[in-house]
Amino acid sequence: MGPRDIILAPVITEKAVGVLNEKKYTFRVAKAANKIQIAKAVEEIFGVKVAKVNTISMKGHLRRQGRFEGYTPSWKKAVVSLTEDSKTIEFFDGMF
């Protein structure tokens, strides 16, 4: 699994944008990826130094369409903390 297969998309929510000034970045990641793989992928893609990775398995939400109901897919979220001397990720710079 390559780095682009592990990091799927950034998560842009009010809570995720609120912790950007603490050098914490939130990503949607592959369900099979572990913390070590996520840290290496972020370091390789963005050229930063990762201090810590927290992962959360997000359960799918119940959605209804008329009389039919089902669940959205489950997914995995990773909150990546960078070291103090690391540069910021440029993609997120204009958001806070």
N, C-alpha and C. Protein backbone atom coordinates (compact mmCIF):
# COMPACT_ATOMS: atom_id res chain seq x y z
N MET A 1 0.84 -1.18 0.00
CA MET A 1 0.00 0.00 0.00
C MET A 1 0.89 1.24 0.00
N GLY A 2 0.71 2.09 -0.99
CA GLY A 2 1.51 3.32 -1.09
C GLY A 2 0.93 4.42 -0.23
N PRO A 3 1.68 5.52 -0.07
CA PRO A 3 1.21 6.63 0.77
C PRO A 3 -0.10 7.25 0.28
N ARG A 4 -0.30 7.31 -1.04
CA ARG A 4 -1.53 7.89 -1.58
C ARG A 4 -2.72 6.94 -1.42
N ASP A 5 -2.45 5.66 -1.19
CA ASP A 5 -3.52 4.70 -0.90
C ASP A 5 -3.92 4.75 0.56
N ILE A 6 -3.05 5.23 1.43
CA ILE A 6 -3.32 5.29 2.87
C ILE A 6 -4.07 6.58 3.22
N ILE A 7 -3.56 7.73 2.77
CA ILE A 7 -4.21 9.02 3.03
C ILE A 7 -5.22 9.25 1.91
N LEU A 8 -6.52 9.18 2.24
CA LEU A 8 -7.55 9.28 1.22
C LEU A 8 -8.03 10.72 0.99
N ALA A 9 -8.27 11.46 2.08
CA ALA A 9 -8.79 12.83 1.93
C ALA A 9 -8.63 13.58 3.24
N PRO A 10 -8.53 14.92 3.17
CA PRO A 10 -8.54 15.70 4.41
C PRO A 10 -9.95 15.79 4.96
N VAL A 11 -10.07 15.94 6.27
CA VAL A 11 -11.37 16.13 6.90
C VAL A 11 -11.47 17.60 7.27
N ILE A 12 -12.45 18.29 6.67
CA ILE A 12 -12.63 19.72 6.89
C ILE A 12 -13.94 19.91 7.66
N THR A 13 -13.85 19.91 8.97
CA THR A 13 -15.01 20.17 9.83
C THR A 13 -14.66 21.30 10.77
N GLU A 14 -15.65 21.79 11.48
CA GLU A 14 -15.41 22.89 12.40
C GLU A 14 -14.42 22.49 13.50
N LYS A 15 -14.56 21.29 14.01
CA LYS A 15 -13.66 20.81 15.06
C LYS A 15 -12.25 20.59 14.52
N ALA A 16 -12.14 20.03 13.30
CA ALA A 16 -10.82 19.77 12.71
C ALA A 16 -10.09 21.07 12.41
N VAL A 17 -10.79 22.08 11.95
CA VAL A 17 -10.17 23.37 11.65
C VAL A 17 -9.80 24.10 12.94
N GLY A 18 -10.52 23.84 14.02
CA GLY A 18 -10.24 24.48 15.31
C GLY A 18 -8.92 24.08 15.93
N VAL A 19 -8.40 22.91 15.60
CA VAL A 19 -7.14 22.44 16.20
C VAL A 19 -5.95 22.59 15.25
N LEU A 20 -6.14 23.27 14.11
CA LEU A 20 -5.04 23.45 13.16
C LEU A 20 -3.91 24.28 13.76
N ASN A 21 -4.23 25.26 14.60
CA ASN A 21 -3.17 26.09 15.19
C ASN A 21 -2.33 25.33 16.21
N GLU A 22 -2.77 24.14 16.62
CA GLU A 22 -1.99 23.27 17.50
C GLU A 22 -1.18 22.26 16.70
N LYS A 23 -1.12 22.44 15.37
CA LYS A 23 -0.43 21.54 14.44
C LYS A 23 -1.02 20.13 14.49
N LYS A 24 -2.35 20.04 14.54
CA LYS A 24 -3.06 18.77 14.46
C LYS A 24 -3.90 18.78 13.19
N TYR A 25 -3.69 17.77 12.36
CA TYR A 25 -4.36 17.69 11.07
C TYR A 25 -5.16 16.40 11.00
N THR A 26 -6.35 16.47 10.42
CA THR A 26 -7.27 15.34 10.38
C THR A 26 -7.42 14.84 8.95
N PHE A 27 -7.31 13.51 8.78
CA PHE A 27 -7.41 12.90 7.47
C PHE A 27 -8.33 11.69 7.52
N ARG A 28 -8.97 11.41 6.38
CA ARG A 28 -9.69 10.15 6.18
C ARG A 28 -8.65 9.18 5.64
N VAL A 29 -8.51 8.01 6.27
CA VAL A 29 -7.46 7.06 5.90
C VAL A 29 -8.05 5.70 5.58
N ALA A 30 -7.23 4.84 4.99
CA ALA A 30 -7.66 3.48 4.67
C ALA A 30 -7.94 2.71 5.96
N LYS A 31 -8.98 1.87 5.93
CA LYS A 31 -9.37 1.14 7.13
C LYS A 31 -8.29 0.16 7.59
N ALA A 32 -7.49 -0.36 6.66
CA ALA A 32 -6.47 -1.35 7.01
C ALA A 32 -5.16 -0.72 7.47
N ALA A 33 -5.02 0.59 7.38
CA ALA A 33 -3.76 1.27 7.74
C ALA A 33 -3.61 1.38 9.24
N ASN A 34 -2.37 1.18 9.73
CA ASN A 34 -2.10 1.36 11.15
C ASN A 34 -1.40 2.70 11.38
N LYS A 35 -1.13 3.03 12.65
CA LYS A 35 -0.59 4.35 12.98
C LYS A 35 0.80 4.58 12.38
N ILE A 36 1.63 3.56 12.33
CA ILE A 36 2.98 3.70 11.78
C ILE A 36 2.91 3.98 10.29
N GLN A 37 2.04 3.26 9.58
CA GLN A 37 1.89 3.49 8.14
C GLN A 37 1.34 4.89 7.86
N ILE A 38 0.40 5.34 8.68
CA ILE A 38 -0.19 6.68 8.50
C ILE A 38 0.88 7.75 8.72
N ALA A 39 1.69 7.61 9.76
CA ALA A 39 2.75 8.59 10.05
C ALA A 39 3.75 8.66 8.90
N LYS A 40 4.18 7.52 8.39
CA LYS A 40 5.14 7.50 7.28
C LYS A 40 4.54 8.11 6.02
N ALA A 41 3.25 7.85 5.77
CA ALA A 41 2.60 8.39 4.58
C ALA A 41 2.50 9.91 4.65
N VAL A 42 2.14 10.45 5.81
CA VAL A 42 2.04 11.92 5.97
C VAL A 42 3.42 12.56 5.82
N GLU A 43 4.44 11.95 6.41
CA GLU A 43 5.80 12.48 6.29
C GLU A 43 6.27 12.49 4.84
N GLU A 44 5.95 11.43 4.10
CA GLU A 44 6.40 11.32 2.72
C GLU A 44 5.63 12.27 1.79
N ILE A 45 4.33 12.38 1.97
CA ILE A 45 3.52 13.22 1.07
C ILE A 45 3.76 14.70 1.32
N PHE A 46 3.75 15.12 2.59
CA PHE A 46 3.80 16.55 2.92
C PHE A 46 5.17 17.05 3.36
N GLY A 47 6.14 16.17 3.61
CA GLY A 47 7.48 16.59 4.02
C GLY A 47 7.51 17.22 5.39
N VAL A 48 6.79 16.66 6.36
CA VAL A 48 6.75 17.16 7.73
C VAL A 48 7.22 16.07 8.69
N LYS A 49 7.38 16.44 9.97
CA LYS A 49 7.76 15.47 11.00
C LYS A 49 6.55 15.19 11.89
N VAL A 50 6.16 13.92 12.00
CA VAL A 50 4.99 13.53 12.77
C VAL A 50 5.41 13.15 14.18
N ALA A 51 4.71 13.70 15.18
CA ALA A 51 4.98 13.37 16.58
C ALA A 51 4.07 12.24 17.06
N LYS A 52 2.78 12.28 16.67
CA LYS A 52 1.81 11.34 17.21
C LYS A 52 0.66 11.18 16.23
N VAL A 53 0.06 9.99 16.24
CA VAL A 53 -1.11 9.72 15.40
C VAL A 53 -2.19 9.09 16.27
N ASN A 54 -3.39 9.66 16.25
CA ASN A 54 -4.55 9.08 16.92
C ASN A 54 -5.52 8.63 15.84
N THR A 55 -6.06 7.42 15.96
CA THR A 55 -7.01 6.92 14.96
C THR A 55 -8.36 6.66 15.60
N ILE A 56 -9.40 6.85 14.81
CA ILE A 56 -10.78 6.65 15.26
C ILE A 56 -11.51 5.89 14.15
N SER A 57 -12.19 4.81 14.48
CA SER A 57 -13.03 4.11 13.52
C SER A 57 -14.42 4.71 13.59
N MET A 58 -14.85 5.34 12.50
CA MET A 58 -16.13 6.03 12.45
C MET A 58 -17.20 5.07 11.91
N LYS A 59 -18.27 4.94 12.66
CA LYS A 59 -19.37 4.07 12.27
C LYS A 59 -20.25 4.80 11.26
N GLY A 60 -20.80 4.08 10.29
CA GLY A 60 -21.70 4.68 9.31
C GLY A 60 -22.98 5.16 9.95
N HIS A 61 -23.57 6.23 9.40
CA HIS A 61 -24.80 6.80 9.93
C HIS A 61 -26.02 6.21 9.23
N LEU A 62 -27.11 6.11 9.95
CA LEU A 62 -28.37 5.65 9.38
C LEU A 62 -28.96 6.75 8.51
N ARG A 63 -29.30 6.41 7.27
CA ARG A 63 -29.90 7.36 6.34
C ARG A 63 -31.18 6.74 5.78
N ARG A 64 -32.18 7.58 5.56
CA ARG A 64 -33.46 7.12 5.00
C ARG A 64 -33.73 7.81 3.69
N GLN A 65 -34.32 7.07 2.76
CA GLN A 65 -34.78 7.61 1.48
C GLN A 65 -36.20 7.11 1.31
N GLY A 66 -37.15 7.91 1.76
CA GLY A 66 -38.54 7.46 1.75
C GLY A 66 -38.74 6.35 2.76
N ARG A 67 -39.24 5.21 2.30
CA ARG A 67 -39.45 4.10 3.22
C ARG A 67 -38.26 3.17 3.29
N PHE A 68 -37.21 3.45 2.55
CA PHE A 68 -36.01 2.62 2.56
C PHE A 68 -34.98 3.24 3.48
N GLU A 69 -34.26 2.41 4.19
CA GLU A 69 -33.20 2.92 5.06
C GLU A 69 -31.97 2.05 4.93
N GLY A 70 -30.84 2.66 5.23
CA GLY A 70 -29.57 1.95 5.17
C GLY A 70 -28.51 2.77 5.87
N TYR A 71 -27.31 2.24 5.88
CA TYR A 71 -26.20 2.90 6.56
C TYR A 71 -25.17 3.39 5.55
N THR A 72 -24.59 4.55 5.82
CA THR A 72 -23.46 5.02 5.03
C THR A 72 -22.26 4.16 5.40
N PRO A 73 -21.25 4.10 4.53
CA PRO A 73 -20.10 3.23 4.83
C PRO A 73 -19.33 3.68 6.08
N SER A 74 -18.80 2.72 6.81
CA SER A 74 -17.91 3.02 7.93
C SER A 74 -16.55 3.43 7.37
N TRP A 75 -15.80 4.26 8.12
CA TRP A 75 -14.51 4.73 7.66
C TRP A 75 -13.60 4.99 8.84
N LYS A 76 -12.33 5.27 8.55
CA LYS A 76 -11.33 5.49 9.60
C LYS A 76 -10.78 6.90 9.48
N LYS A 77 -10.66 7.56 10.63
CA LYS A 77 -10.16 8.93 10.70
C LYS A 77 -8.86 8.93 11.50
N ALA A 78 -7.91 9.76 11.08
CA ALA A 78 -6.64 9.88 11.79
C ALA A 78 -6.37 11.35 12.09
N VAL A 79 -6.02 11.63 13.35
CA VAL A 79 -5.61 12.98 13.76
C VAL A 79 -4.09 12.92 13.95
N VAL A 80 -3.38 13.66 13.10
CA VAL A 80 -1.92 13.62 13.07
C VAL A 80 -1.38 14.86 13.75
N SER A 81 -0.56 14.68 14.79
CA SER A 81 0.09 15.80 15.49
C SER A 81 1.52 15.92 14.99
N LEU A 82 1.93 17.14 14.65
CA LEU A 82 3.29 17.37 14.16
C LEU A 82 4.18 17.83 15.31
N THR A 83 5.50 17.69 15.13
CA THR A 83 6.44 18.15 16.14
C THR A 83 6.48 19.68 16.14
N GLU A 84 7.02 20.25 17.21
CA GLU A 84 7.08 21.71 17.36
C GLU A 84 7.94 22.35 16.27
N ASP A 85 9.06 21.70 15.89
CA ASP A 85 9.97 22.30 14.91
C ASP A 85 9.58 21.98 13.47
N SER A 86 8.51 21.24 13.26
CA SER A 86 8.07 20.89 11.91
C SER A 86 7.33 22.05 11.27
N LYS A 87 7.41 22.11 9.94
CA LYS A 87 6.65 23.14 9.21
C LYS A 87 5.18 22.71 9.14
N THR A 88 4.31 23.64 8.77
CA THR A 88 2.89 23.32 8.67
C THR A 88 2.60 22.70 7.31
N ILE A 89 1.43 22.10 7.16
CA ILE A 89 1.00 21.55 5.89
C ILE A 89 0.33 22.68 5.11
N GLU A 90 0.85 22.98 3.93
CA GLU A 90 0.42 24.16 3.17
C GLU A 90 -1.04 24.11 2.77
N PHE A 91 -1.59 22.92 2.54
CA PHE A 91 -2.98 22.78 2.12
C PHE A 91 -3.93 23.41 3.13
N PHE A 92 -3.62 23.29 4.42
CA PHE A 92 -4.50 23.76 5.49
C PHE A 92 -4.22 25.20 5.91
N ASP A 93 -3.19 25.85 5.35
CA ASP A 93 -2.78 27.17 5.86
C ASP A 93 -3.84 28.25 5.77
N GLY A 94 -4.66 28.29 4.75
CA GLY A 94 -5.64 29.36 4.61
C GLY A 94 -6.94 29.12 5.34
N MET A 95 -7.03 28.09 6.19
CA MET A 95 -8.29 27.73 6.79
C MET A 95 -8.51 28.26 8.21
N PHE A 96 -7.48 28.79 8.85
CA PHE A 96 -7.70 29.32 10.20
C PHE A 96 -7.22 30.72 10.33
